[in-house]
Amino acid sequence: MDAPLNDTPPQDPPLVFTDAAALKVADLIRAEGNPKLMLRVFVQGGGCSGLQYGFEFDELLQEGDTCVENQGVKLLIDPMSINYLGGAEIDFRDGLDGAQFVIRNPQATTTCGCGSSFSTGS
């Protein structure tokens, strides 16, 4: 007997966690020496545009967290932050102007020159 087909289409991830970003996070986790670490990205009030991005390592998946995995690395987003980060792309860029994580956020209506502060239309 055949297994029943799943009629639910696969869901797109709520944001894009690029290979470059995932590989850089994997390097940082190896340097920390704790393979249980995951990267948490969050949005909080502050910065010159009203909201700012933050990154930190975390060992725990909290209730309500969204988890996006790439290259064996888990990216965590809390329920409040996912409202501001839906559709965003988290990338890592290493160029003449330095190495940094970059968030391309389609919800950001204004951004600061530093790249870590933004505001939305709401």
Protein backbone atom coordinates (compact mmCIF):
# COMPACT_ATOMS: atom_id res chain seq x y z
CA MET A 1 0.00 0.00 0.00
CA ASP A 2 1.32 3.43 -0.93
CA ALA A 3 1.83 6.09 1.72
CA PRO A 4 -0.71 8.91 1.57
CA LEU A 5 0.41 11.95 -0.36
CA ASN A 6 0.96 15.14 1.55
CA ASP A 7 -1.12 17.79 -0.20
CA THR A 8 0.47 20.60 1.82
CA PRO A 9 2.86 22.53 -0.41
CA PRO A 10 6.30 23.13 1.09
CA GLN A 11 6.50 26.51 2.80
CA ASP A 12 9.15 29.01 1.90
CA PRO A 13 11.36 29.98 4.82
CA PRO A 14 10.27 33.24 6.48
CA LEU A 15 13.63 34.78 5.60
CA VAL A 16 16.74 33.92 3.60
CA PHE A 17 19.86 32.83 5.49
CA THR A 18 22.51 32.80 2.78
CA ASP A 19 25.27 30.24 2.42
CA ALA A 20 27.89 32.95 3.01
CA ALA A 21 26.25 33.97 6.29
CA ALA A 22 25.77 30.38 7.44
CA LEU A 23 29.39 29.46 6.69
CA LYS A 24 30.67 32.52 8.57
CA VAL A 25 28.47 31.67 11.57
CA ALA A 26 29.77 28.09 11.44
CA ASP A 27 33.34 29.47 11.62
CA LEU A 28 32.42 31.64 14.61
CA ILE A 29 30.75 28.73 16.40
CA ARG A 30 33.85 26.56 15.84
CA ALA A 31 35.99 29.38 17.27
CA GLU A 32 33.75 29.48 20.36
CA GLY A 33 34.23 25.75 20.84
CA ASN A 34 30.55 25.08 21.60
CA PRO A 35 28.73 23.15 18.86
CA LYS A 36 25.37 23.70 20.64
CA LEU A 37 25.40 27.39 19.76
CA MET A 38 22.84 28.86 17.37
CA LEU A 39 22.71 32.44 16.08
CA ARG A 40 19.81 34.55 17.29
CA VAL A 41 18.89 37.61 15.25
CA PHE A 42 16.51 40.11 16.81
CA VAL A 43 14.99 43.55 16.41
CA GLN A 44 14.85 46.02 19.28
CA GLY A 45 14.05 49.67 19.76
CA GLY A 46 16.97 52.03 19.31
CA GLY A 47 19.37 53.36 16.76
CA CYS A 48 18.97 56.55 14.79
CA SER A 49 16.04 55.21 12.74
CA GLY A 50 14.01 53.81 15.63
CA LEU A 51 14.70 50.07 15.35
CA GLN A 52 17.96 48.17 15.23
CA TYR A 53 19.14 44.66 14.49
CA GLY A 54 21.05 42.56 16.97
CA PHE A 55 22.89 39.25 16.87
CA GLU A 56 23.90 36.93 19.70
CA PHE A 57 24.68 33.29 20.25
CA ASP A 58 22.14 31.17 22.10
CA GLU A 59 22.03 27.52 23.14
CA LEU A 60 18.27 27.36 23.65
CA LEU A 61 15.34 27.34 21.26
CA GLN A 62 12.67 29.40 23.03
CA GLU A 63 8.93 28.86 22.76
CA GLY A 64 7.60 30.56 19.64
CA ASP A 65 11.02 30.92 17.99
CA THR A 66 11.31 30.51 14.26
CA CYS A 67 14.30 28.41 13.23
CA VAL A 68 15.91 28.63 9.79
CA GLU A 69 18.73 26.20 9.06
CA ASN A 70 21.42 26.35 6.39
CA GLN A 71 24.76 24.53 6.14
CA GLY A 72 24.02 22.84 9.48
CA VAL A 73 23.74 26.22 11.25
CA LYS A 74 20.53 27.27 12.97
CA LEU A 75 19.31 30.87 12.92
CA LEU A 76 16.71 31.73 15.58
CA ILE A 77 14.18 34.57 15.44
CA ASP A 78 11.81 35.41 18.29
CA PRO A 79 8.07 35.93 17.58
CA MET A 80 8.20 39.74 17.81
CA SER A 81 11.27 40.10 15.59
CA ILE A 82 9.92 37.82 12.86
CA ASN A 83 7.22 40.46 12.26
CA TYR A 84 9.97 42.88 11.21
CA LEU A 85 12.22 40.35 9.48
CA GLY A 86 9.75 38.45 7.29
CA GLY A 87 11.09 38.35 3.74
CA ALA A 88 14.52 39.65 4.75
CA GLU A 89 17.86 38.23 3.65
CA ILE A 90 20.72 37.75 6.10
CA ASP A 91 24.04 37.67 4.28
CA PHE A 92 27.74 38.01 5.03
CA ARG A 93 29.90 40.28 2.92
CA ASP A 94 33.69 40.50 2.94
CA GLY A 95 34.91 43.32 0.74
CA LEU A 96 37.14 46.35 0.54
CA ASP A 97 34.96 48.15 3.09
CA GLY A 98 35.37 45.30 5.62
CA ALA A 99 33.62 42.13 6.65
CA GLN A 100 30.12 42.30 8.06
CA PHE A 101 26.73 40.68 8.27
CA VAL A 102 24.20 42.46 6.07
CA ILE A 103 20.42 42.39 6.39
CA ARG A 104 18.42 43.27 3.30
CA ASN A 105 14.96 43.93 4.64
CA PRO A 106 12.08 44.70 2.25
CA GLN A 107 10.02 46.00 5.20
CA ALA A 108 12.54 48.74 6.02
CA THR A 109 11.31 52.05 4.62
CA THR A 110 14.32 54.00 5.88
CA THR A 111 17.75 52.84 6.96
CA CYS A 112 20.69 54.48 8.65
CA GLY A 113 24.09 54.76 7.05
CA CYS A 114 25.46 52.27 9.59
CA GLY A 115 23.19 49.57 8.17
CA SER A 116 22.01 48.29 11.55
CA SER A 117 19.20 50.79 12.17
CA PHE A 118 15.91 51.02 10.27
CA SER A 119 12.26 51.99 10.44
CA THR A 120 9.14 50.58 8.84
CA GLY A 121 6.10 52.34 7.46
CA SER A 122 3.95 51.29 10.43
